[in-house]
PDB file of N, CA and C in Angstrom:
ATOM      1  N   MET A   1      90.444 -20.685  -7.985  1.00  0.00           N
ATOM      2  CA  MET A   1      89.919 -21.751  -6.877  1.00  0.00           C
ATOM      3  C   MET A   1      88.946 -22.972  -7.247  1.00  0.00           C
ATOM      4  N   THR A   2      88.949 -23.749  -8.146  1.00  0.00           N
ATOM      5  CA  THR A   2      87.502 -23.738  -8.291  1.00  0.00           C
ATOM      6  C   THR A   2      86.698 -25.333  -7.094  1.00  0.00           C
ATOM      7  N   THR A   3      85.986 -25.396  -7.019  1.00  0.00           N
ATOM      8  CA  THR A   3      85.677 -26.244  -7.020  1.00  0.00           C
ATOM      9  C   THR A   3      85.033 -27.797  -6.872  1.00  0.00           C
ATOM     10  N   ARG A   4      84.508 -28.488  -7.315  1.00  0.00           N
ATOM     11  CA  ARG A   4      83.565 -30.009  -7.827  1.00  0.00           C
ATOM     12  C   ARG A   4      82.677 -30.304  -6.256  1.00  0.00           C
ATOM     13  N   GLN A   5      81.861 -31.199  -7.141  1.00  0.00           N
ATOM     14  CA  GLN A   5      80.800 -31.622  -5.463  1.00  0.00           C
ATOM     15  C   GLN A   5      81.134 -32.996  -5.529  1.00  0.00           C
ATOM     16  N   ARG A   6      81.319 -33.833  -4.686  1.00  0.00           N
ATOM     17  CA  ARG A   6      81.435 -35.162  -4.410  1.00  0.00           C
ATOM     18  C   ARG A   6      80.895 -35.311  -2.962  1.00  0.00           C
ATOM     19  N   GLY A   7      80.048 -36.580  -3.382  1.00  0.00           N
ATOM     20  CA  GLY A   7      78.766 -36.441  -2.955  1.00  0.00           C
ATOM     21  C   GLY A   7      78.556 -35.363  -2.878  1.00  0.00           C
ATOM     22  N   SER A   8      77.723 -35.722  -1.518  1.00  0.00           N
ATOM     23  CA  SER A   8      76.503 -34.072  -1.241  1.00  0.00           C
ATOM     24  C   SER A   8      77.936 -33.083  -0.261  1.00  0.00           C
ATOM     25  N   ALA A   9      79.204 -32.845  -0.867  1.00  0.00           N
ATOM     26  CA  ALA A   9      80.372 -32.674  -0.323  1.00  0.00           C
ATOM     27  C   ALA A   9      80.998 -31.683  -1.936  1.00  0.00           C
ATOM     28  N   VAL A  10      81.510 -30.970  -1.064  1.00  0.00           N
ATOM     29  CA  VAL A  10      81.740 -29.122  -2.196  1.00  0.00           C
ATOM     30  C   VAL A  10      82.988 -29.221  -1.916  1.00  0.00           C
ATOM     31  N   VAL A  11      83.710 -29.417  -2.471  1.00  0.00           N
ATOM     32  CA  VAL A  11      85.114 -30.275  -2.618  1.00  0.00           C
ATOM     33  C   VAL A  11      85.951 -29.406  -3.461  1.00  0.00           C
ATOM     34  N   ALA A  12      87.039 -28.680  -2.300  1.00  0.00           N
ATOM     35  CA  ALA A  12      88.429 -27.579  -3.672  1.00  0.00           C
ATOM     36  C   ALA A  12      89.284 -28.372  -4.646  1.00  0.00           C
ATOM     37  N   ASP A  13      89.392 -27.908  -5.268  1.00  0.00           N
ATOM     38  CA  ASP A  13      90.037 -28.617  -6.104  1.00  0.00           C
ATOM     39  C   ASP A  13      91.636 -29.164  -5.915  1.00  0.00           C
ATOM     40  N   ASP A  14      92.139 -27.893  -5.310  1.00  0.00           N
ATOM     41  CA  ASP A  14      93.682 -27.546  -5.117  1.00  0.00           C
ATOM     42  C   ASP A  14      93.373 -27.645  -3.607  1.00  0.00           C
ATOM     43  N   ASP A  15      92.044 -28.789  -2.832  1.00  0.00           N
ATOM     44  CA  ASP A  15      92.230 -28.904  -1.385  1.00  0.00           C
ATOM     45  C   ASP A  15      93.710 -29.675  -1.344  1.00  0.00           C
ATOM     46  N   SER A  16      94.181 -29.245  -0.709  1.00  0.00           N
ATOM     47  CA  SER A  16      95.564 -29.575   0.068  1.00  0.00           C
ATOM     48  C   SER A  16      95.654 -29.701   1.837  1.00  0.00           C
ATOM     49  N   ARG A  17      94.180 -29.263   2.640  1.00  0.00           N
ATOM     50  CA  ARG A  17      94.066 -29.540   4.042  1.00  0.00           C
ATOM     51  C   ARG A  17      94.444 -31.124   4.314  1.00  0.00           C
ATOM     52  N   GLY A  18      94.704 -31.047   5.508  1.00  0.00           N
ATOM     53  CA  GLY A  18      94.701 -32.150   5.609  1.00  0.00           C
ATOM     54  C   GLY A  18      93.006 -32.588   6.386  1.00  0.00           C
ATOM     55  N   PRO A  19      92.962 -33.922   7.073  1.00  0.00           N
ATOM     56  CA  PRO A  19      91.787 -34.461   7.357  1.00  0.00           C
ATOM     57  C   PRO A  19      91.274 -33.479   8.741  1.00  0.00           C
ATOM     58  N   GLY A  20      90.382 -32.950   9.431  1.00  0.00           N
ATOM     59  CA  GLY A  20      89.648 -32.233   9.756  1.00  0.00           C
ATOM     60  C   GLY A  20      90.166 -30.854  10.425  1.00  0.00           C
ATOM     61  N   GLU A  21      90.561 -30.340   9.042  1.00  0.00           N
ATOM     62  CA  GLU A  21      91.487 -28.651   9.413  1.00  0.00           C
ATOM     63  C   GLU A  21      90.329 -28.077   7.905  1.00  0.00           C
ATOM     64  N   LEU A  22      90.010 -26.534   8.546  1.00  0.00           N
ATOM     65  CA  LEU A  22      88.576 -26.032   8.479  1.00  0.00           C
ATOM     66  C   LEU A  22      89.755 -25.774   6.735  1.00  0.00           C
ATOM     67  N   PRO A  23      88.515 -25.339   5.967  1.00  0.00           N
ATOM     68  CA  PRO A  23      88.776 -25.022   4.062  1.00  0.00           C
ATOM     69  C   PRO A  23      89.172 -23.236   4.242  1.00  0.00           C
ATOM     70  N   GLU A  24      90.567 -23.181   3.482  1.00  0.00           N
ATOM     71  CA  GLU A  24      91.305 -21.851   3.649  1.00  0.00           C
ATOM     72  C   GLU A  24      89.943 -20.781   2.968  1.00  0.00           C
ATOM     73  N   ALA A  25      90.341 -19.184   3.643  1.00  0.00           N
ATOM     74  CA  ALA A  25      90.303 -18.161   3.559  1.00  0.00           C
ATOM     75  C   ALA A  25      88.987 -18.015   2.356  1.00  0.00           C
ATOM     76  N   SER A  26      89.798 -18.018   1.742  1.00  0.00           N
ATOM     77  CA  SER A  26      89.126 -17.633   0.387  1.00  0.00           C
ATOM     78  C   SER A  26      87.717 -18.585   0.109  1.00  0.00           C
ATOM     79  N   VAL A  27      87.250 -19.217   0.784  1.00  0.00           N
ATOM     80  CA  VAL A  27      86.263 -20.007   0.461  1.00  0.00           C
ATOM     81  C   VAL A  27      84.911 -19.740   0.685  1.00  0.00           C
ATOM     82  N   SER A  28      84.019 -19.855   0.278  1.00  0.00           N
ATOM     83  CA  SER A  28      83.203 -18.989   0.785  1.00  0.00           C
ATOM     84  C   SER A  28      82.446 -19.625   2.117  1.00  0.00           C
ATOM     85  N   ASP A  29      81.709 -18.563   3.029  1.00  0.00           N
ATOM     86  CA  ASP A  29      80.553 -18.538   3.901  1.00  0.00           C
ATOM     87  C   ASP A  29      79.910 -20.376   4.340  1.00  0.00           C
ATOM     88  N   GLN A  30      79.092 -20.150   3.207  1.00  0.00           N
ATOM     89  CA  GLN A  30      78.216 -21.038   2.467  1.00  0.00           C
ATOM     90  C   GLN A  30      78.575 -22.668   2.989  1.00  0.00           C
ATOM     91  N   LEU A  31      80.012 -22.401   2.519  1.00  0.00           N
ATOM     92  CA  LEU A  31      81.315 -23.386   2.143  1.00  0.00           C
ATOM     93  C   LEU A  31      80.934 -24.393   3.474  1.00  0.00           C
ATOM     94  N   ARG A  32      81.799 -22.761   3.898  1.00  0.00           N
ATOM     95  CA  ARG A  32      81.902 -23.214   5.438  1.00  0.00           C
ATOM     96  C   ARG A  32      81.725 -23.993   6.473  1.00  0.00           C
ATOM     97  N   GLU A  33      80.172 -23.391   6.260  1.00  0.00           N
ATOM     98  CA  GLU A  33      79.028 -23.774   7.071  1.00  0.00           C
ATOM     99  C   GLU A  33      78.977 -25.194   6.736  1.00  0.00           C
ATOM    100  N   GLN A  34      78.712 -25.756   5.674  1.00  0.00           N
ATOM    101  CA  GLN A  34      78.145 -27.063   5.173  1.00  0.00           C
ATOM    102  C   GLN A  34      79.476 -27.657   5.310  1.00  0.00           C
ATOM    103  N   PHE A  35      80.886 -27.273   5.435  1.00  0.00           N
ATOM    104  CA  PHE A  35      82.275 -28.026   5.972  1.00  0.00           C
ATOM    105  C   PHE A  35      81.226 -28.607   7.368  1.00  0.00           C
ATOM    106  N   MET A  36      81.375 -27.694   7.858  1.00  0.00           N
ATOM    107  CA  MET A  36      80.874 -27.393   9.536  1.00  0.00           C
ATOM    108  C   MET A  36      79.742 -28.762   9.600  1.00  0.00           C
ATOM    109  N   ARG A  37      78.719 -28.130   9.332  1.00  0.00           N
ATOM    110  CA  ARG A  37      78.200 -29.326   9.520  1.00  0.00           C
ATOM    111  C   ARG A  37      78.249 -30.562   9.011  1.00  0.00           C
ATOM    112  N   GLU A  38      79.097 -31.013   8.521  1.00  0.00           N
ATOM    113  CA  GLU A  38      79.493 -32.502   8.053  1.00  0.00           C
ATOM    114  C   GLU A  38      80.284 -32.904   8.060  1.00  0.00           C
ATOM    115  N   ARG A  39      81.076 -31.840   9.632  1.00  0.00           N
ATOM    116  CA  ARG A  39      81.894 -32.072  10.535  1.00  0.00           C
ATOM    117  C   ARG A  39      81.217 -32.898  11.797  1.00  0.00           C
ATOM    118  N   ALA A  40      79.909 -32.608  12.000  1.00  0.00           N
ATOM    119  CA  ALA A  40      79.977 -31.893  13.313  1.00  0.00           C
ATOM    120  C   ALA A  40      78.427 -33.371  12.919  1.00  0.00           C
ATOM    121  N   ARG A  41      78.338 -34.006  11.349  1.00  0.00           N
ATOM    122  CA  ARG A  41      77.012 -35.100  11.743  1.00  0.00           C
ATOM    123  C   ARG A  41      78.179 -36.860  11.631  1.00  0.00           C
ATOM    124  N   ARG A  42      79.196 -36.287  11.029  1.00  0.00           N
ATOM    125  CA  ARG A  42      80.909 -37.390  11.164  1.00  0.00           C
ATOM    126  C   ARG A  42      80.249 -37.721  12.505  1.00  0.00           C
ATOM    127  N   GLU A  43      81.117 -36.073  13.600  1.00  0.00           N
ATOM    128  CA  GLU A  43      81.969 -36.831  14.400  1.00  0.00           C
ATOM    129  C   GLU A  43      80.376 -37.245  15.371  1.00  0.00           C
ATOM    130  N   PHE A  44      79.384 -36.997  15.214  1.00  0.00           N
ATOM    131  CA  PHE A  44      77.748 -37.640  15.944  1.00  0.00           C
ATOM    132  C   PHE A  44      78.197 -38.968  15.615  1.00  0.00           C
ATOM    133  N   VAL A  45      78.365 -39.642  14.317  1.00  0.00           N
ATOM    134  CA  VAL A  45      77.926 -40.631  13.868  1.00  0.00           C
ATOM    135  C   VAL A  45      78.560 -41.408  14.199  1.00  0.00           C
ATOM    136  N   THR A  46      80.414 -41.257  14.725  1.00  0.00           N
ATOM    137  CA  THR A  46      81.773 -41.539  14.942  1.00  0.00           C
ATOM    138  C   THR A  46      81.047 -42.138  16.291  1.00  0.00           C
ATOM    139  N   ALA A  47      80.591 -41.220  17.003  1.00  0.00           N
ATOM    140  CA  ALA A  47      80.593 -40.808  18.934  1.00  0.00           C
ATOM    141  C   ALA A  47      79.096 -42.937  18.982  1.00  0.00           C
ATOM    142  N   SER A  48      78.170 -42.271  18.035  1.00  0.00           N
ATOM    143  CA  SER A  48      77.477 -43.385  18.479  1.00  0.00           C
ATOM    144  C   SER A  48      78.207 -44.427  18.262  1.00  0.00           C
ATOM    145  N   LEU A  49      78.619 -44.486  17.371  1.00  0.00           N
ATOM    146  CA  LEU A  49      79.157 -46.012  16.776  1.00  0.00           C
ATOM    147  C   LEU A  49      80.182 -46.633  18.083  1.00  0.00           C
ATOM    148  N   ARG A  50      80.609 -45.584  17.933  1.00  0.00           N
ATOM    149  CA  ARG A  50      82.041 -46.277  19.214  1.00  0.00           C
ATOM    150  C   ARG A  50      80.891 -46.643  20.445  1.00  0.00           C
ATOM    151  N   SER A  51      79.938 -45.776  21.396  1.00  0.00           N
ATOM    152  CA  SER A  51      79.552 -46.261  22.062  1.00  0.00           C
ATOM    153  C   SER A  51      78.787 -47.444  22.019  1.00  0.00           C
ATOM    154  N   HIS A  52      78.311 -47.784  20.689  1.00  0.00           N
ATOM    155  CA  HIS A  52      77.453 -48.665  20.694  1.00  0.00           C
ATOM    156  C   HIS A  52      78.274 -50.021  20.533  1.00  0.00           C
ATOM    157  N   LEU A  53      79.867 -49.532  20.420  1.00  0.00           N
ATOM    158  CA  LEU A  53      80.946 -51.425  20.291  1.00  0.00           C
ATOM    159  C   LEU A  53      80.857 -50.827  21.765  1.00  0.00           C
ATOM    160  N   ALA A  54      81.084 -50.261  22.295  1.00  0.00           N
ATOM    161  CA  ALA A  54      81.737 -50.423  23.678  1.00  0.00           C
ATOM    162  C   ALA A  54      81.355 -50.359  24.608  1.00  0.00           C
ATOM    163  N   GLU A  55      79.366 -50.701  24.117  1.00  0.00           N
ATOM    164  CA  GLU A  55      78.597 -51.650  25.048  1.00  0.00           C
ATOM    165  C   GLU A  55      78.701 -53.133  24.954  1.00  0.00           C
ATOM    166  N   GLN A  56      79.303 -53.247  23.855  1.00  0.00           N
ATOM    167  CA  GLN A  56      79.534 -55.096  23.604  1.00  0.00           C
ATOM    168  C   GLN A  56      80.359 -55.507  25.112  1.00  0.00           C
ATOM    169  N   PRO A  57      79.959 -57.469  25.412  1.00  0.00           N
ATOM    170  CA  PRO A  57      80.756 -57.783  26.949  1.00  0.00           C
ATOM    171  C   PRO A  57      81.814 -57.935  26.664  1.00  0.00           C
ATOM    172  N   ASN A  58      82.161 -58.727  24.798  1.00  0.00           N
ATOM    173  CA  ASN A  58      84.082 -59.163  25.285  1.00  0.00           C
ATOM    174  C   ASN A  58      84.637 -58.674  23.931  1.00  0.00           C
ATOM    175  N   PRO A  59      85.719 -58.311  23.436  1.00  0.00           N
ATOM    176  CA  PRO A  59      86.584 -58.493  21.702  1.00  0.00           C
ATOM    177  C   PRO A  59      85.255 -58.713  20.805  1.00  0.00           C
ATOM    178  N   ARG A  60      85.295 -59.841  21.611  1.00  0.00           N
ATOM    179  CA  ARG A  60      85.028 -61.225  19.814  1.00  0.00           C
ATOM    180  C   ARG A  60      83.516 -60.298  19.008  1.00  0.00           C
ATOM    181  N   ALA A  61      82.494 -60.144  20.463  1.00  0.00           N
ATOM    182  CA  ALA A  61      81.335 -59.911  20.228  1.00  0.00           C
ATOM    183  C   ALA A  61      81.496 -58.033  19.755  1.00  0.00           C
ATOM    184  N   VAL A  62      82.447 -56.857  20.324  1.00  0.00           N
ATOM    185  CA  VAL A  62      82.738 -55.858  19.528  1.00  0.00           C
ATOM    186  C   VAL A  62      83.054 -55.988  18.266  1.00  0.00           C
ATOM    187  N   ARG A  63      84.246 -57.362  17.640  1.00  0.00           N
ATOM    188  CA  ARG A  63      84.279 -57.356  16.217  1.00  0.00           C
ATOM    189  C   ARG A  63      82.851 -57.829  15.235  1.00  0.00           C
ATOM    190  N   ALA A  64      82.198 -58.870  15.948  1.00  0.00           N
ATOM    191  CA  ALA A  64      81.243 -59.303  15.192  1.00  0.00           C
ATOM    192  C   ALA A  64      80.067 -57.671  15.154  1.00  0.00           C
ATOM    193  N   CYS A  65      80.162 -56.902  16.277  1.00  0.00           N
ATOM    194  CA  CYS A  65      78.724 -55.881  16.119  1.00  0.00           C
ATOM    195  C   CYS A  65      79.193 -55.338  15.262  1.00  0.00           C
ATOM    196  N   ALA A  66      81.283 -55.182  14.585  1.00  0.00           N
ATOM    197  CA  ALA A  66      81.995 -53.911  13.979  1.00  0.00           C
ATOM    198  C   ALA A  66      81.477 -54.091  12.341  1.00  0.00           C
ATOM    199  N   ARG A  67      81.321 -55.809  12.060  1.00  0.00           N
ATOM    200  CA  ARG A  67      81.064 -55.961  11.199  1.00  0.00           C
ATOM    201  C   ARG A  67      79.117 -55.780  10.227  1.00  0.00           C
ATOM    202  N   ARG A  68      78.777 -56.173  11.595  1.00  0.00           N
ATOM    203  CA  ARG A  68      76.835 -56.605  11.192  1.00  0.00           C
ATOM    204  C   ARG A  68      77.369 -54.346  10.716  1.00  0.00           C
ATOM    205  N   TRP A  69      77.296 -53.633  11.071  1.00  0.00           N
ATOM    206  CA  TRP A  69      77.952 -52.307  11.151  1.00  0.00           C
ATOM    207  C   TRP A  69      78.226 -51.928   9.965  1.00  0.00           C
ATOM    208  N   ILE A  70      79.369 -52.342   9.285  1.00  0.00           N
ATOM    209  CA  ILE A  70      80.066 -52.405   8.035  1.00  0.00           C
ATOM    210  C   ILE A  70      78.590 -52.849   6.480  1.00  0.00           C
ATOM    211  N   ASN A  71      78.580 -54.030   6.696  1.00  0.00           N
ATOM    212  CA  ASN A  71      78.115 -54.900   6.028  1.00  0.00           C
ATOM    213  C   ASN A  71      76.453 -53.489   6.158  1.00  0.00           C
ATOM    214  N   ASP A  72      75.812 -53.411   7.010  1.00  0.00           N
ATOM    215  CA  ASP A  72      74.866 -52.475   6.803  1.00  0.00           C
ATOM    216  C   ASP A  72      75.473 -50.867   6.228  1.00  0.00           C
ATOM    217  N   ILE A  73      76.377 -50.312   6.890  1.00  0.00           N
ATOM    218  CA  ILE A  73      76.866 -49.007   5.435  1.00  0.00           C
ATOM    219  C   ILE A  73      76.928 -49.272   4.169  1.00  0.00           C
ATOM    220  N   ASN A  74      77.443 -50.864   3.663  1.00  0.00           N
ATOM    221  CA  ASN A  74      77.518 -50.685   2.544  1.00  0.00           C
ATOM    222  C   ASN A  74      76.733 -51.819   1.769  1.00  0.00           C
ATOM    223  N   HIS A  75      75.238 -52.233   2.356  1.00  0.00           N
ATOM    224  CA  HIS A  75      74.329 -51.593   1.610  1.00  0.00           C
ATOM    225  C   HIS A  75      73.463 -50.915   1.503  1.00  0.00           C
ATOM    226  N   LEU A  76      73.929 -49.629   2.544  1.00  0.00           N
ATOM    227  CA  LEU A  76      73.206 -48.302   2.714  1.00  0.00           C
ATOM    228  C   LEU A  76      73.829 -47.394   0.902  1.00  0.00           C
ATOM    229  N   VAL A  77      74.823 -48.282   1.237  1.00  0.00           N
ATOM    230  CA  VAL A  77      75.912 -46.939   0.274  1.00  0.00           C
ATOM    231  C   VAL A  77      75.326 -47.701  -1.229  1.00  0.00           C
ATOM    232  N   THR A  78      74.764 -48.742  -2.009  1.00  0.00           N
ATOM    233  CA  THR A  78      74.476 -49.541  -2.852  1.00  0.00           C
ATOM    234  C   THR A  78      72.695 -48.858  -2.774  1.00  0.00           C
ATOM    235  N   ASP A  79      72.430 -48.960  -1.692  1.00  0.00           N
ATOM    236  CA  ASP A  79      70.962 -48.005  -2.434  1.00  0.00           C
ATOM    237  C   ASP A  79      71.250 -46.504  -2.838  1.00  0.00           C
ATOM    238  N   VAL A  80      71.855 -46.576  -2.210  1.00  0.00           N
ATOM    239  CA  VAL A  80      72.162 -44.625  -2.383  1.00  0.00           C
ATOM    240  C   VAL A  80      72.720 -44.153  -3.846  1.00  0.00           C
ATOM    241  N   VAL A  81      73.487 -45.542  -3.812  1.00  0.00           N
ATOM    242  CA  VAL A  81      74.097 -45.048  -5.454  1.00  0.00           C
ATOM    243  C   VAL A  81      73.314 -45.700  -6.572  1.00  0.00           C
ATOM    244  N   GLY A  82      73.082 -46.812  -6.525  1.00  0.00           N
ATOM    245  CA  GLY A  82      71.301 -47.351  -7.263  1.00  0.00           C
ATOM    246  C   GLY A  82      70.364 -46.328  -7.711  1.00  0.00           C
ATOM    247  N   ALA A  83      70.451 -45.236  -5.935  1.00  0.00           N
ATOM    248  CA  ALA A  83      68.529 -44.239  -6.272  1.00  0.00           C
ATOM    249  C   ALA A  83      69.826 -42.821  -7.293  1.00  0.00           C
ATOM    250  N   MET A  84      70.733 -42.520  -6.569  1.00  0.00           N
ATOM    251  CA  MET A  84      71.483 -41.611  -7.567  1.00  0.00           C
ATOM    252  C   MET A  84      71.385 -42.053  -9.533  1.00  0.00           C
ATOM    253  N   THR A  85      71.852 -43.155  -9.181  1.00  0.00           N
ATOM    254  CA  THR A  85      72.467 -43.398 -10.480  1.00  0.00           C
ATOM    255  C   THR A  85      70.675 -43.516 -11.493  1.00  0.00           C
ATOM    256  N   GLN A  86      69.625 -43.811 -10.734  1.00  0.00           N
ATOM    257  CA  GLN A  86      68.000 -44.242 -11.278  1.00  0.00           C
ATOM    258  C   GLN A  86      67.866 -41.942 -11.549  1.00  0.00           C
ATOM    259  N   GLU A  87      68.455 -41.325 -10.688  1.00  0.00           N
ATOM    260  CA  GLU A  87      67.974 -39.891 -10.954  1.00  0.00           C
ATOM    261  C   GLU A  87      68.604 -39.760 -11.886  1.00  0.00           C
ATOM    262  N   HIS A  88      69.802 -39.873 -11.798  1.00  0.00           N
ATOM    263  CA  HIS A  88      70.506 -38.734 -13.761  1.00  0.00           C
ATOM    264  C   HIS A  88      70.217 -40.031 -14.985  1.00  0.00           C
ATOM    265  N   GLU A  89      69.496 -41.031 -14.792  1.00  0.00           N
ATOM    266  CA  GLU A  89      69.165 -41.364 -16.373  1.00  0.00           C
ATOM    267  C   GLU A  89      67.471 -41.053 -16.730  1.00  0.00           C
TER     268      GLU A  89
END
């Protein structure tokens, strides 16, 4: 089994597992630990976003808040990709 880098995650080329499933037993302990850290971080961020959305007073405010989060994330992606592109040039 070979692996490839996808962003900060290392992914197996023959990765046939579903979302949230652990990597195969043949994957090293280091990759398993990285997978668990990334999964925990994602769950923490998702729970924080859900909590913030739940604090909104009405459905319209929830949708507006979600649009702002989406815009902020898209701007972050643009910044990170730009920085990565400059590093590799």
